[in-house]
Amino acid sequence: MTINVKGQDYELDNISITNTQLDEMETTIVITRIEGELRLYTSDNIYLTKIKNAIKSGSPDWKIVDIIKRNDGSISGIKAIAPKSLITLRTKKVELSDERLETLRQHVKSLHTSEALKKD
């Protein structure tokens, strides 16, 4: 899947944050009240992967709006936007039983299997 960021095309799967130390990885979310959007900056591949997966799933809500590069051309971070309604603050940690976790694992495994079959 190709996306356009500031006039340049990028293969979504090839966007990866590199050469960033663990203690330098961060994610910042700014929620604007007037525009009704959230602005996210991340230098952490875990959050980059979540955003890429949302885009791949066909969600029109998430958009990568900037790719920050170092002088050597490697990617140090990205900026993305989405509607602020996609952020939820939880009041308590959700705890799942071992049985529920296993059910979810099996469900995800079956989804991956069905996705692999669709590609063939």
PDB file of N, CA and C in Angstrom:
ATOM      1  N   MET A   1       0.848  -1.164   0.000  1.00  0.00           N
ATOM      2  CA  MET A   1       0.000   0.000   0.000  1.00  0.00           C
ATOM      3  C   MET A   1       0.902   1.238   0.000  1.00  0.00           C
ATOM      4  N   THR A   2       0.607   2.162  -0.885  1.00  0.00           N
ATOM      5  CA  THR A   2       1.384   3.391  -0.998  1.00  0.00           C
ATOM      6  C   THR A   2       0.594   4.542  -0.396  1.00  0.00           C
ATOM      7  N   ILE A   3       1.290   5.373   0.387  1.00  0.00           N
ATOM      8  CA  ILE A   3       0.664   6.585   0.917  1.00  0.00           C
ATOM      9  C   ILE A   3       1.479   7.787   0.469  1.00  0.00           C
ATOM     10  N   ASN A   4       0.815   8.935   0.400  1.00  0.00           N
ATOM     11  CA  ASN A   4       1.497  10.163   0.012  1.00  0.00           C
ATOM     12  C   ASN A   4       1.601  11.054   1.240  1.00  0.00           C
ATOM     13  N   VAL A   5       2.815  11.458   1.546  1.00  0.00           N
ATOM     14  CA  VAL A   5       3.066  12.344   2.685  1.00  0.00           C
ATOM     15  C   VAL A   5       3.842  13.546   2.166  1.00  0.00           C
ATOM     16  N   LYS A   6       3.215  14.704   2.233  1.00  0.00           N
ATOM     17  CA  LYS A   6       3.832  15.961   1.794  1.00  0.00           C
ATOM     18  C   LYS A   6       4.397  15.853   0.373  1.00  0.00           C
ATOM     19  N   GLY A   7       3.605  15.239  -0.511  1.00  0.00           N
ATOM     20  CA  GLY A   7       3.989  15.166  -1.914  1.00  0.00           C
ATOM     21  C   GLY A   7       4.937  14.044  -2.273  1.00  0.00           C
ATOM     22  N   GLN A   8       5.318  13.220  -1.319  1.00  0.00           N
ATOM     23  CA  GLN A   8       6.220  12.104  -1.599  1.00  0.00           C
ATOM     24  C   GLN A   8       5.507  10.790  -1.304  1.00  0.00           C
ATOM     25  N   ASP A   9       5.636   9.830  -2.215  1.00  0.00           N
ATOM     26  CA  ASP A   9       5.023   8.524  -2.039  1.00  0.00           C
ATOM     27  C   ASP A   9       5.926   7.614  -1.202  1.00  0.00           C
ATOM     28  N   TYR A  10       5.301   6.866  -0.286  1.00  0.00           N
ATOM     29  CA  TYR A  10       6.005   5.908   0.564  1.00  0.00           C
ATOM     30  C   TYR A  10       5.232   4.602   0.547  1.00  0.00           C
ATOM     31  N   GLU A  11       5.960   3.493   0.502  1.00  0.00           N
ATOM     32  CA  GLU A  11       5.346   2.183   0.730  1.00  0.00           C
ATOM     33  C   GLU A  11       5.132   2.071   2.234  1.00  0.00           C
ATOM     34  N   LEU A  12       3.899   1.874   2.642  1.00  0.00           N
ATOM     35  CA  LEU A  12       3.569   1.850   4.059  1.00  0.00           C
ATOM     36  C   LEU A  12       4.404   0.816   4.821  1.00  0.00           C
ATOM     37  N   ASP A  13       4.580  -0.358   4.235  1.00  0.00           N
ATOM     38  CA  ASP A  13       5.344  -1.412   4.913  1.00  0.00           C
ATOM     39  C   ASP A  13       6.821  -1.062   5.064  1.00  0.00           C
ATOM     40  N   ASN A  14       7.313  -0.113   4.280  1.00  0.00           N
ATOM     41  CA  ASN A  14       8.726   0.264   4.355  1.00  0.00           C
ATOM     42  C   ASN A  14       8.997   1.405   5.330  1.00  0.00           C
ATOM     43  N   ILE A  15       7.957   1.969   5.905  1.00  0.00           N
ATOM     44  CA  ILE A  15       8.154   3.036   6.884  1.00  0.00           C
ATOM     45  C   ILE A  15       8.484   2.387   8.217  1.00  0.00           C
ATOM     46  N   SER A  16       9.673   2.668   8.722  1.00  0.00           N
ATOM     47  CA  SER A  16      10.125   2.080   9.982  1.00  0.00           C
ATOM     48  C   SER A  16      11.072   3.055  10.664  1.00  0.00           C
ATOM     49  N   ILE A  17      10.935   3.183  11.952  1.00  0.00           N
ATOM     50  CA  ILE A  17      11.805   4.066  12.724  1.00  0.00           C
ATOM     51  C   ILE A  17      13.058   3.279  13.078  1.00  0.00           C
ATOM     52  N   THR A  18      14.210   3.848  12.751  1.00  0.00           N
ATOM     53  CA  THR A  18      15.472   3.138  12.955  1.00  0.00           C
ATOM     54  C   THR A  18      16.446   3.991  13.759  1.00  0.00           C
ATOM     55  N   ASN A  19      17.438   3.330  14.307  1.00  0.00           N
ATOM     56  CA  ASN A  19      18.544   3.991  15.012  1.00  0.00           C
ATOM     57  C   ASN A  19      18.091   4.881  16.166  1.00  0.00           C
ATOM     58  N   THR A  20      17.042   4.467  16.874  1.00  0.00           N
ATOM     59  CA  THR A  20      16.573   5.222  18.033  1.00  0.00           C
ATOM     60  C   THR A  20      16.754   4.359  19.277  1.00  0.00           C
ATOM     61  N   GLN A  21      17.466   4.895  20.260  1.00  0.00           N
ATOM     62  CA  GLN A  21      17.691   4.184  21.515  1.00  0.00           C
ATOM     63  C   GLN A  21      16.376   4.054  22.287  1.00  0.00           C
ATOM     64  N   LEU A  22      16.235   3.009  23.067  1.00  0.00           N
ATOM     65  CA  LEU A  22      15.012   2.786  23.836  1.00  0.00           C
ATOM     66  C   LEU A  22      14.654   3.976  24.718  1.00  0.00           C
ATOM     67  N   ASP A  23      15.646   4.587  25.355  1.00  0.00           N
ATOM     68  CA  ASP A  23      15.349   5.702  26.252  1.00  0.00           C
ATOM     69  C   ASP A  23      15.015   6.988  25.498  1.00  0.00           C
ATOM     70  N   GLU A  24      15.143   6.974  24.181  1.00  0.00           N
ATOM     71  CA  GLU A  24      14.777   8.131  23.367  1.00  0.00           C
ATOM     72  C   GLU A  24      13.422   7.957  22.686  1.00  0.00           C
ATOM     73  N   MET A  25      12.859   6.758  22.737  1.00  0.00           N
ATOM     74  CA  MET A  25      11.569   6.515  22.105  1.00  0.00           C
ATOM     75  C   MET A  25      10.470   7.165  22.930  1.00  0.00           C
ATOM     76  N   GLU A  26       9.586   7.856  22.231  1.00  0.00           N
ATOM     77  CA  GLU A  26       8.479   8.517  22.921  1.00  0.00           C
ATOM     78  C   GLU A  26       7.290   8.643  21.990  1.00  0.00           C
ATOM     79  N   THR A  27       6.138   8.834  22.590  1.00  0.00           N
ATOM     80  CA  THR A  27       4.914   9.088  21.850  1.00  0.00           C
ATOM     81  C   THR A  27       4.197  10.221  22.563  1.00  0.00           C
ATOM     82  N   THR A  28       3.818  11.225  21.805  1.00  0.00           N
ATOM     83  CA  THR A  28       3.119  12.381  22.358  1.00  0.00           C
ATOM     84  C   THR A  28       1.790  12.525  21.631  1.00  0.00           C
ATOM     85  N   ILE A  29       0.724  12.694  22.394  1.00  0.00           N
ATOM     86  CA  ILE A  29      -0.605  12.895  21.815  1.00  0.00           C
ATOM     87  C   ILE A  29      -1.119  14.247  22.269  1.00  0.00           C
ATOM     88  N   VAL A  30      -1.502  15.075  21.310  1.00  0.00           N
ATOM     89  CA  VAL A  30      -2.109  16.369  21.596  1.00  0.00           C
ATOM     90  C   VAL A  30      -3.536  16.314  21.074  1.00  0.00           C
ATOM     91  N   ILE A  31      -4.490  16.622  21.933  1.00  0.00           N
ATOM     92  CA  ILE A  31      -5.896  16.619  21.532  1.00  0.00           C
ATOM     93  C   ILE A  31      -6.368  18.056  21.471  1.00  0.00           C
ATOM     94  N   THR A  32      -6.821  18.476  20.285  1.00  0.00           N
ATOM     95  CA  THR A  32      -7.295  19.844  20.128  1.00  0.00           C
ATOM     96  C   THR A  32      -8.806  19.878  20.255  1.00  0.00           C
ATOM     97  N   ARG A  33      -9.263  20.836  20.977  1.00  0.00           N
ATOM     98  CA  ARG A  33     -10.698  20.923  21.217  1.00  0.00           C
ATOM     99  C   ARG A  33     -11.428  21.541  20.025  1.00  0.00           C
ATOM    100  N   ILE A  34     -10.875  22.596  19.469  1.00  0.00           N
ATOM    101  CA  ILE A  34     -11.562  23.309  18.385  1.00  0.00           C
ATOM    102  C   ILE A  34     -11.593  22.475  17.106  1.00  0.00           C
ATOM    103  N   GLU A  35     -10.435  21.945  16.701  1.00  0.00           N
ATOM    104  CA  GLU A  35     -10.398  21.160  15.455  1.00  0.00           C
ATOM    105  C   GLU A  35     -11.002  19.770  15.625  1.00  0.00           C
ATOM    106  N   GLY A  36     -11.113  19.302  16.853  1.00  0.00           N
ATOM    107  CA  GLY A  36     -11.692  17.982  17.093  1.00  0.00           C
ATOM    108  C   GLY A  36     -10.811  16.847  16.622  1.00  0.00           C
ATOM    109  N   GLU A  37      -9.505  17.041  16.680  1.00  0.00           N
ATOM    110  CA  GLU A  37      -8.607  15.985  16.223  1.00  0.00           C
ATOM    111  C   GLU A  37      -7.519  15.736  17.250  1.00  0.00           C
ATOM    112  N   LEU A  38      -6.891  14.586  17.097  1.00  0.00           N
ATOM    113  CA  LEU A  38      -5.706  14.323  17.895  1.00  0.00           C
ATOM    114  C   LEU A  38      -4.518  14.347  16.959  1.00  0.00           C
ATOM    115  N   ARG A  39      -3.432  14.848  17.479  1.00  0.00           N
ATOM    116  CA  ARG A  39      -2.167  14.888  16.742  1.00  0.00           C
ATOM    117  C   ARG A  39      -1.190  14.027  17.513  1.00  0.00           C
ATOM    118  N   LEU A  40      -0.594  13.099  16.824  1.00  0.00           N
ATOM    119  CA  LEU A  40       0.280  12.142  17.473  1.00  0.00           C
ATOM    120  C   LEU A  40       1.657  12.210  16.837  1.00  0.00           C
ATOM    121  N   TYR A  41       2.676  12.273  17.684  1.00  0.00           N
ATOM    122  CA  TYR A  41       4.065  12.131  17.238  1.00  0.00           C
ATOM    123  C   TYR A  41       4.600  10.883  17.910  1.00  0.00           C
ATOM    124  N   THR A  42       5.296  10.041  17.163  1.00  0.00           N
ATOM    125  CA  THR A  42       5.934   8.894  17.786  1.00  0.00           C
ATOM    126  C   THR A  42       7.290   8.610  17.159  1.00  0.00           C
ATOM    127  N   SER A  43       8.195   8.177  18.014  1.00  0.00           N
ATOM    128  CA  SER A  43       9.494   7.674  17.568  1.00  0.00           C
ATOM    129  C   SER A  43       9.626   6.213  18.015  1.00  0.00           C
ATOM    130  N   ASP A  44       8.486   5.577  18.239  1.00  0.00           N
ATOM    131  CA  ASP A  44       8.410   4.207  18.744  1.00  0.00           C
ATOM    132  C   ASP A  44       7.707   3.334  17.703  1.00  0.00           C
ATOM    133  N   ASN A  45       8.382   2.287  17.252  1.00  0.00           N
ATOM    134  CA  ASN A  45       7.804   1.412  16.229  1.00  0.00           C
ATOM    135  C   ASN A  45       6.542   0.691  16.681  1.00  0.00           C
ATOM    136  N   ILE A  46       6.357   0.509  17.989  1.00  0.00           N
ATOM    137  CA  ILE A  46       5.136  -0.151  18.459  1.00  0.00           C
ATOM    138  C   ILE A  46       3.918   0.684  18.069  1.00  0.00           C
ATOM    139  N   TYR A  47       3.973   1.994  18.320  1.00  0.00           N
ATOM    140  CA  TYR A  47       2.842   2.856  17.975  1.00  0.00           C
ATOM    141  C   TYR A  47       2.767   3.098  16.474  1.00  0.00           C
ATOM    142  N   LEU A  48       3.912   3.156  15.806  1.00  0.00           N
ATOM    143  CA  LEU A  48       3.903   3.278  14.348  1.00  0.00           C
ATOM    144  C   LEU A  48       3.182   2.075  13.740  1.00  0.00           C
ATOM    145  N   THR A  49       3.448   0.886  14.245  1.00  0.00           N
ATOM    146  CA  THR A  49       2.794  -0.322  13.733  1.00  0.00           C
ATOM    147  C   THR A  49       1.281  -0.262  13.942  1.00  0.00           C
ATOM    148  N   LYS A  50       0.846   0.228  15.092  1.00  0.00           N
ATOM    149  CA  LYS A  50      -0.594   0.358  15.354  1.00  0.00           C
ATOM    150  C   LYS A  50      -1.245   1.305  14.336  1.00  0.00           C
ATOM    151  N   ILE A  51      -0.588   2.408  14.038  1.00  0.00           N
ATOM    152  CA  ILE A  51      -1.128   3.368  13.070  1.00  0.00           C
ATOM    153  C   ILE A  51      -1.126   2.762  11.667  1.00  0.00           C
ATOM    154  N   LYS A  52      -0.036   2.097  11.300  1.00  0.00           N
ATOM    155  CA  LYS A  52       0.032   1.463   9.982  1.00  0.00           C
ATOM    156  C   LYS A  52      -1.066   0.412   9.827  1.00  0.00           C
ATOM    157  N   ASN A  53      -1.307  -0.378  10.876  1.00  0.00           N
ATOM    158  CA  ASN A  53      -2.363  -1.392  10.814  1.00  0.00           C
ATOM    159  C   ASN A  53      -3.738  -0.760  10.666  1.00  0.00           C
ATOM    160  N   ALA A  54      -3.962   0.368  11.330  1.00  0.00           N
ATOM    161  CA  ALA A  54      -5.248   1.067  11.186  1.00  0.00           C
ATOM    162  C   ALA A  54      -5.427   1.543   9.743  1.00  0.00           C
ATOM    163  N   ILE A  55      -4.370   2.065   9.154  1.00  0.00           N
ATOM    164  CA  ILE A  55      -4.439   2.531   7.763  1.00  0.00           C
ATOM    165  C   ILE A  55      -4.673   1.354   6.828  1.00  0.00           C
ATOM    166  N   LYS A  56      -3.952   0.259   7.035  1.00  0.00           N
ATOM    167  CA  LYS A  56      -4.110  -0.932   6.185  1.00  0.00           C
ATOM    168  C   LYS A  56      -5.504  -1.522   6.277  1.00  0.00           C
ATOM    169  N   SER A  57      -6.138  -1.376   7.433  1.00  0.00           N
ATOM    170  CA  SER A  57      -7.471  -1.948   7.612  1.00  0.00           C
ATOM    171  C   SER A  57      -8.535  -1.180   6.830  1.00  0.00           C
ATOM    172  N   GLY A  58      -8.121  -0.070   6.229  1.00  0.00           N
ATOM    173  CA  GLY A  58      -9.065   0.708   5.437  1.00  0.00           C
ATOM    174  C   GLY A  58      -9.666   1.881   6.189  1.00  0.00           C
ATOM    175  N   SER A  59      -9.218   2.096   7.421  1.00  0.00           N
ATOM    176  CA  SER A  59      -9.741   3.213   8.208  1.00  0.00           C
ATOM    177  C   SER A  59      -9.343   4.541   7.566  1.00  0.00           C
ATOM    178  N   PRO A  60     -10.333   5.368   7.227  1.00  0.00           N
ATOM    179  CA  PRO A  60     -10.000   6.681   6.654  1.00  0.00           C
ATOM    180  C   PRO A  60      -9.617   7.691   7.734  1.00  0.00           C
ATOM    181  N   ASP A  61      -9.722   7.281   9.010  1.00  0.00           N
ATOM    182  CA  ASP A  61      -9.519   8.212  10.115  1.00  0.00           C
ATOM    183  C   ASP A  61      -8.059   8.536  10.389  1.00  0.00           C
ATOM    184  N   TRP A  62      -7.179   7.557  10.271  1.00  0.00           N
ATOM    185  CA  TRP A  62      -5.769   7.771  10.576  1.00  0.00           C
ATOM    186  C   TRP A  62      -5.007   8.199   9.326  1.00  0.00           C
ATOM    187  N   LYS A  63      -4.213   9.249   9.473  1.00  0.00           N
ATOM    188  CA  LYS A  63      -3.390   9.734   8.363  1.00  0.00           C
ATOM    189  C   LYS A  63      -2.002  10.089   8.874  1.00  0.00           C
ATOM    190  N   ILE A  64      -0.977   9.585   8.220  1.00  0.00           N
ATOM    191  CA  ILE A  64       0.389  10.007   8.516  1.00  0.00           C
ATOM    192  C   ILE A  64       0.601  11.305   7.748  1.00  0.00           C
ATOM    193  N   VAL A  65       0.914  12.382   8.462  1.00  0.00           N
ATOM    194  CA  VAL A  65       1.016  13.694   7.829  1.00  0.00           C
ATOM    195  C   VAL A  65       2.452  14.190   7.707  1.00  0.00           C
ATOM    196  N   ASP A  66       3.392  13.533   8.384  1.00  0.00           N
ATOM    197  CA  ASP A  66       4.789  13.948   8.269  1.00  0.00           C
ATOM    198  C   ASP A  66       5.673  12.777   8.653  1.00  0.00           C
ATOM    199  N   ILE A  67       6.785  12.663   7.964  1.00  0.00           N
ATOM    200  CA  ILE A  67       7.803  11.671   8.281  1.00  0.00           C
ATOM    201  C   ILE A  67       9.077  12.450   8.570  1.00  0.00           C
ATOM    202  N   ILE A  68       9.568  12.322   9.788  1.00  0.00           N
ATOM    203  CA  ILE A  68      10.741  13.069  10.215  1.00  0.00           C
ATOM    204  C   ILE A  68      11.974  12.219   9.966  1.00  0.00           C
ATOM    205  N   LYS A  69      12.938  12.809   9.259  1.00  0.00           N
ATOM    206  CA  LYS A  69      14.148  12.073   8.902  1.00  0.00           C
ATOM    207  C   LYS A  69      15.384  12.757   9.484  1.00  0.00           C
ATOM    208  N   ARG A  70      16.379  11.941   9.751  1.00  0.00           N
ATOM    209  CA  ARG A  70      17.685  12.451  10.167  1.00  0.00           C
ATOM    210  C   ARG A  70      18.461  12.894   8.927  1.00  0.00           C
ATOM    211  N   ASN A  71      19.622  13.488   9.143  1.00  0.00           N
ATOM    212  CA  ASN A  71      20.461  13.934   8.022  1.00  0.00           C
ATOM    213  C   ASN A  71      20.872  12.786   7.107  1.00  0.00           C
ATOM    214  N   ASP A  72      20.992  11.576   7.661  1.00  0.00           N
ATOM    215  CA  ASP A  72      21.392  10.427   6.838  1.00  0.00           C
ATOM    216  C   ASP A  72      20.217   9.799   6.081  1.00  0.00           C
ATOM    217  N   GLY A  73      19.008  10.357   6.269  1.00  0.00           N
ATOM    218  CA  GLY A  73      17.830   9.866   5.556  1.00  0.00           C
ATOM    219  C   GLY A  73      17.021   8.831   6.323  1.00  0.00           C
ATOM    220  N   SER A  74      17.548   8.329   7.444  1.00  0.00           N
ATOM    221  CA  SER A  74      16.790   7.353   8.225  1.00  0.00           C
ATOM    222  C   SER A  74      15.633   8.052   8.942  1.00  0.00           C
ATOM    223  N   ILE A  75      14.566   7.304   9.171  1.00  0.00           N
ATOM    224  CA  ILE A  75      13.360   7.865   9.786  1.00  0.00           C
ATOM    225  C   ILE A  75      13.509   7.853  11.307  1.00  0.00           C
ATOM    226  N   SER A  76      13.288   9.019  11.917  1.00  0.00           N
ATOM    227  CA  SER A  76      13.387   9.120  13.372  1.00  0.00           C
ATOM    228  C   SER A  76      12.018   9.212  14.036  1.00  0.00           C
ATOM    229  N   GLY A  77      10.973   9.508  13.254  1.00  0.00           N
ATOM    230  CA  GLY A  77       9.642   9.608  13.831  1.00  0.00           C
ATOM    231  C   GLY A  77       8.615   9.947  12.776  1.00  0.00           C
ATOM    232  N   ILE A  78       7.350   9.880  13.181  1.00  0.00           N
ATOM    233  CA  ILE A  78       6.259  10.248  12.280  1.00  0.00           C
ATOM    234  C   ILE A  78       5.248  11.092  13.049  1.00  0.00           C
ATOM    235  N   LYS A  79       4.481  11.861  12.296  1.00  0.00           N
ATOM    236  CA  LYS A  79       3.360  12.596  12.863  1.00  0.00           C
ATOM    237  C   LYS A  79       2.105  12.094  12.163  1.00  0.00           C
ATOM    238  N   ALA A  80       1.055  11.913  12.943  1.00  0.00           N
ATOM    239  CA  ALA A  80      -0.212  11.419  12.400  1.00  0.00           C
ATOM    240  C   ALA A  80      -1.352  12.214  13.009  1.00  0.00           C
ATOM    241  N   ILE A  81      -2.493  12.196  12.327  1.00  0.00           N
ATOM    242  CA  ILE A  81      -3.706  12.825  12.851  1.00  0.00           C
ATOM    243  C   ILE A  81      -4.862  11.836  12.752  1.00  0.00           C
ATOM    244  N   ALA A  82      -5.852  12.062  13.616  1.00  0.00           N
ATOM    245  CA  ALA A  82      -7.070  11.245  13.625  1.00  0.00           C
ATOM    246  C   ALA A  82      -8.129  12.010  14.416  1.00  0.00           C
ATOM    247  N   PRO A  83      -9.392  11.631  14.275  1.00  0.00           N
ATOM    248  CA  PRO A  83     -10.427  12.266  15.096  1.00  0.00           C
ATOM    249  C   PRO A  83     -10.177  11.990  16.583  1.00  0.00           C
ATOM    250  N   LYS A  84     -10.435  12.970  17.421  1.00  0.00           N
ATOM    251  CA  LYS A  84     -10.183  12.790  18.855  1.00  0.00           C
ATOM    252  C   LYS A  84     -11.113  11.742  19.467  1.00  0.00           C
ATOM    253  N   SER A  85     -12.193  11.425  18.790  1.00  0.00           N
ATOM    254  CA  SER A  85     -13.116  10.410  19.311  1.00  0.00           C
ATOM    255  C   SER A  85     -12.485   9.015  19.359  1.00  0.00           C
ATOM    256  N   LEU A  86     -11.310   8.843  18.731  1.00  0.00           N
ATOM    257  CA  LEU A  86     -10.649   7.536  18.744  1.00  0.00           C
ATOM    258  C   LEU A  86      -9.830   7.297  20.002  1.00  0.00           C
ATOM    259  N   ILE A  87      -9.707   8.300  20.842  1.00  0.00           N
ATOM    260  CA  ILE A  87      -8.965   8.152  22.100  1.00  0.00           C
ATOM    261  C   ILE A  87      -9.941   7.913  23.245  1.00  0.00           C
ATOM    262  N   THR A  88      -9.641   6.928  24.057  1.00  0.00           N
ATOM    263  CA  THR A  88     -10.455   6.628  25.231  1.00  0.00           C
ATOM    264  C   THR A  88      -9.550   6.591  26.451  1.00  0.00           C
ATOM    265  N   LEU A  89      -9.961   7.237  27.502  1.00  0.00           N
ATOM    266  CA  LEU A  89      -9.244   7.150  28.777  1.00  0.00           C
ATOM    267  C   LEU A  89      -9.991   6.170  29.665  1.00  0.00           C
ATOM    268  N   ARG A  90      -9.300   5.154  30.101  1.00  0.00           N
ATOM    269  CA  ARG A  90      -9.929   4.136  30.937  1.00  0.00           C
ATOM    270  C   ARG A  90      -9.810   4.521  32.404  1.00  0.00           C
ATOM    271  N   THR A  91     -10.803   4.118  33.168  1.00  0.00           N
ATOM    272  CA  THR A  91     -10.778   4.407  34.598  1.00  0.00           C
ATOM    273  C   THR A  91     -10.199   3.257  35.402  1.00  0.00           C
ATOM    274  N   LYS A  92     -10.091   2.097  34.782  1.00  0.00           N
ATOM    275  CA  LYS A  92      -9.465   0.976  35.463  1.00  0.00           C
ATOM    276  C   LYS A  92      -8.834   0.050  34.426  1.00  0.00           C
ATOM    277  N   LYS A  93      -7.876  -0.705  34.882  1.00  0.00           N
ATOM    278  CA  LYS A  93      -7.192  -1.655  34.020  1.00  0.00           C
ATOM    279  C   LYS A  93      -8.113  -2.836  33.756  1.00  0.00           C
ATOM    280  N   VAL A  94      -8.192  -3.243  32.507  1.00  0.00           N
ATOM    281  CA  VAL A  94      -9.010  -4.396  32.150  1.00  0.00           C
ATOM    282  C   VAL A  94      -8.190  -5.654  32.418  1.00  0.00           C
ATOM    283  N   GLU A  95      -8.738  -6.521  33.237  1.00  0.00           N
ATOM    284  CA  GLU A  95      -8.057  -7.768  33.555  1.00  0.00           C
ATOM    285  C   GLU A  95      -8.836  -8.921  32.936  1.00  0.00           C
ATOM    286  N   LEU A  96      -8.116  -9.772  32.226  1.00  0.00           N
ATOM    287  CA  LEU A  96      -8.746 -10.909  31.564  1.00  0.00           C
ATOM    288  C   LEU A  96      -8.314 -12.205  32.231  1.00  0.00           C
ATOM    289  N   SER A  97      -9.251 -13.122  32.342  1.00  0.00           N
ATOM    290  CA  SER A  97      -8.926 -14.433  32.895  1.00  0.00           C
ATOM    291  C   SER A  97      -8.072 -15.204  31.889  1.00  0.00           C
ATOM    292  N   ASP A  98      -7.378 -16.220  32.378  1.00  0.00           N
ATOM    293  CA  ASP A  98      -6.565 -17.061  31.492  1.00  0.00           C
ATOM    294  C   ASP A  98      -7.433 -17.695  30.411  1.00  0.00           C
ATOM    295  N   GLU A  99      -8.636 -18.070  30.778  1.00  0.00           N
ATOM    296  CA  GLU A  99      -9.563 -18.683  29.824  1.00  0.00           C
ATOM    297  C   GLU A  99      -9.934 -17.687  28.715  1.00  0.00           C
ATOM    298  N   ARG A 100     -10.233 -16.460  29.100  1.00  0.00           N
ATOM    299  CA  ARG A 100     -10.593 -15.426  28.114  1.00  0.00           C
ATOM    300  C   ARG A 100      -9.406 -15.096  27.211  1.00  0.00           C
ATOM    301  N   LEU A 101      -8.200 -15.029  27.800  1.00  0.00           N
ATOM    302  CA  LEU A 101      -7.002 -14.777  26.995  1.00  0.00           C
ATOM    303  C   LEU A 101      -6.800 -15.873  25.952  1.00  0.00           C
ATOM    304  N   GLU A 102      -7.000 -17.118  26.354  1.00  0.00           N
ATOM    305  CA  GLU A 102      -6.831 -18.225  25.409  1.00  0.00           C
ATOM    306  C   GLU A 102      -7.880 -18.159  24.298  1.00  0.00           C
ATOM    307  N   THR A 103      -9.103 -17.799  24.641  1.00  0.00           N
ATOM    308  CA  THR A 103     -10.161 -17.643  23.634  1.00  0.00           C
ATOM    309  C   THR A 103      -9.779 -16.557  22.638  1.00  0.00           C
ATOM    310  N   LEU A 104      -9.264 -15.453  23.132  1.00  0.00           N
ATOM    311  CA  LEU A 104      -8.841 -14.357  22.246  1.00  0.00           C
ATOM    312  C   LEU A 104      -7.668 -14.773  21.375  1.00  0.00           C
ATOM    313  N   ARG A 105      -6.716 -15.507  21.936  1.00  0.00           N
ATOM    314  CA  ARG A 105      -5.569 -15.993  21.144  1.00  0.00           C
ATOM    315  C   ARG A 105      -6.045 -16.867  19.993  1.00  0.00           C
ATOM    316  N   GLN A 106      -6.968 -17.773  20.281  1.00  0.00           N
ATOM    317  CA  GLN A 106      -7.494 -18.661  19.246  1.00  0.00           C
ATOM    318  C   GLN A 106      -8.237 -17.874  18.170  1.00  0.00           C
ATOM    319  N   HIS A 107      -8.970 -16.851  18.593  1.00  0.00           N
ATOM    320  CA  HIS A 107      -9.700 -16.016  17.637  1.00  0.00           C
ATOM    321  C   HIS A 107      -8.726 -15.278  16.709  1.00  0.00           C
ATOM    322  N   VAL A 108      -7.689 -14.697  17.275  1.00  0.00           N
ATOM    323  CA  VAL A 108      -6.698 -13.979  16.468  1.00  0.00           C
ATOM    324  C   VAL A 108      -5.991 -14.952  15.529  1.00  0.00           C
ATOM    325  N   LYS A 109      -5.662 -16.132  16.031  1.00  0.00           N
ATOM    326  CA  LYS A 109      -5.009 -17.144  15.199  1.00  0.00           C
ATOM    327  C   LYS A 109      -5.892 -17.516  14.005  1.00  0.00           C
ATOM    328  N   SER A 110      -7.182 -17.673  14.239  1.00  0.00           N
ATOM    329  CA  SER A 110      -8.088 -18.016  13.139  1.00  0.00           C
ATOM    330  C   SER A 110      -8.214 -16.860  12.152  1.00  0.00           C
ATOM    331  N   LEU A 111      -8.165 -15.628  12.649  1.00  0.00           N
ATOM    332  CA  LEU A 111      -8.212 -14.472  11.751  1.00  0.00           C
ATOM    333  C   LEU A 111      -6.982 -14.436  10.856  1.00  0.00           C
ATOM    334  N   HIS A 112      -5.807 -14.689  11.445  1.00  0.00           N
ATOM    335  CA  HIS A 112      -4.577 -14.709  10.653  1.00  0.00           C
ATOM    336  C   HIS A 112      -4.624 -15.809   9.601  1.00  0.00           C
ATOM    337  N   THR A 113      -5.148 -16.962   9.971  1.00  0.00           N
ATOM    338  CA  THR A 113      -5.259 -18.074   9.030  1.00  0.00           C
ATOM    339  C   THR A 113      -6.194 -17.711   7.879  1.00  0.00           C
ATOM    340  N   SER A 114      -7.337 -17.101   8.193  1.00  0.00           N
ATOM    341  CA  SER A 114      -8.292 -16.741   7.135  1.00  0.00           C
ATOM    342  C   SER A 114      -7.723 -15.633   6.256  1.00  0.00           C
ATOM    343  N   GLU A 115      -6.949 -14.705   6.815  1.00  0.00           N
ATOM    344  CA  GLU A 115      -6.317 -13.650   6.017  1.00  0.00           C
ATOM    345  C   GLU A 115      -5.282 -14.252   5.064  1.00  0.00           C
ATOM    346  N   ALA A 116      -4.510 -15.242   5.550  1.00  0.00           N
ATOM    347  CA  ALA A 116      -3.521 -15.894   4.706  1.00  0.00           C
ATOM    348  C   ALA A 116      -4.185 -16.626   3.541  1.00  0.00           C
ATOM    349  N   LEU A 117      -5.343 -17.238   3.812  1.00  0.00           N
ATOM    350  CA  LEU A 117      -6.071 -17.944   2.763  1.00  0.00           C
ATOM    351  C   LEU A 117      -6.586 -16.980   1.699  1.00  0.00           C
ATOM    352  N   LYS A 118      -7.029 -15.791   2.121  1.00  0.00           N
ATOM    353  CA  LYS A 118      -7.537 -14.788   1.181  1.00  0.00           C
ATOM    354  C   LYS A 118      -6.459 -14.326   0.223  1.00  0.00           C
ATOM    355  N   LYS A 119      -5.196 -14.276   0.688  1.00  0.00           N
ATOM    356  CA  LYS A 119      -4.096 -13.798  -0.146  1.00  0.00           C
ATOM    357  C   LYS A 119      -3.730 -14.792  -1.226  1.00  0.00           C
ATOM    358  N   ASP A 120      -4.011 -16.078  -0.983  1.00  0.00           N
ATOM    359  CA  ASP A 120      -3.665 -17.123  -1.968  1.00  0.00           C
ATOM    360  C   ASP A 120      -4.627 -17.173  -3.060  1.00  0.00           C
TER     361      ASP A 120
END
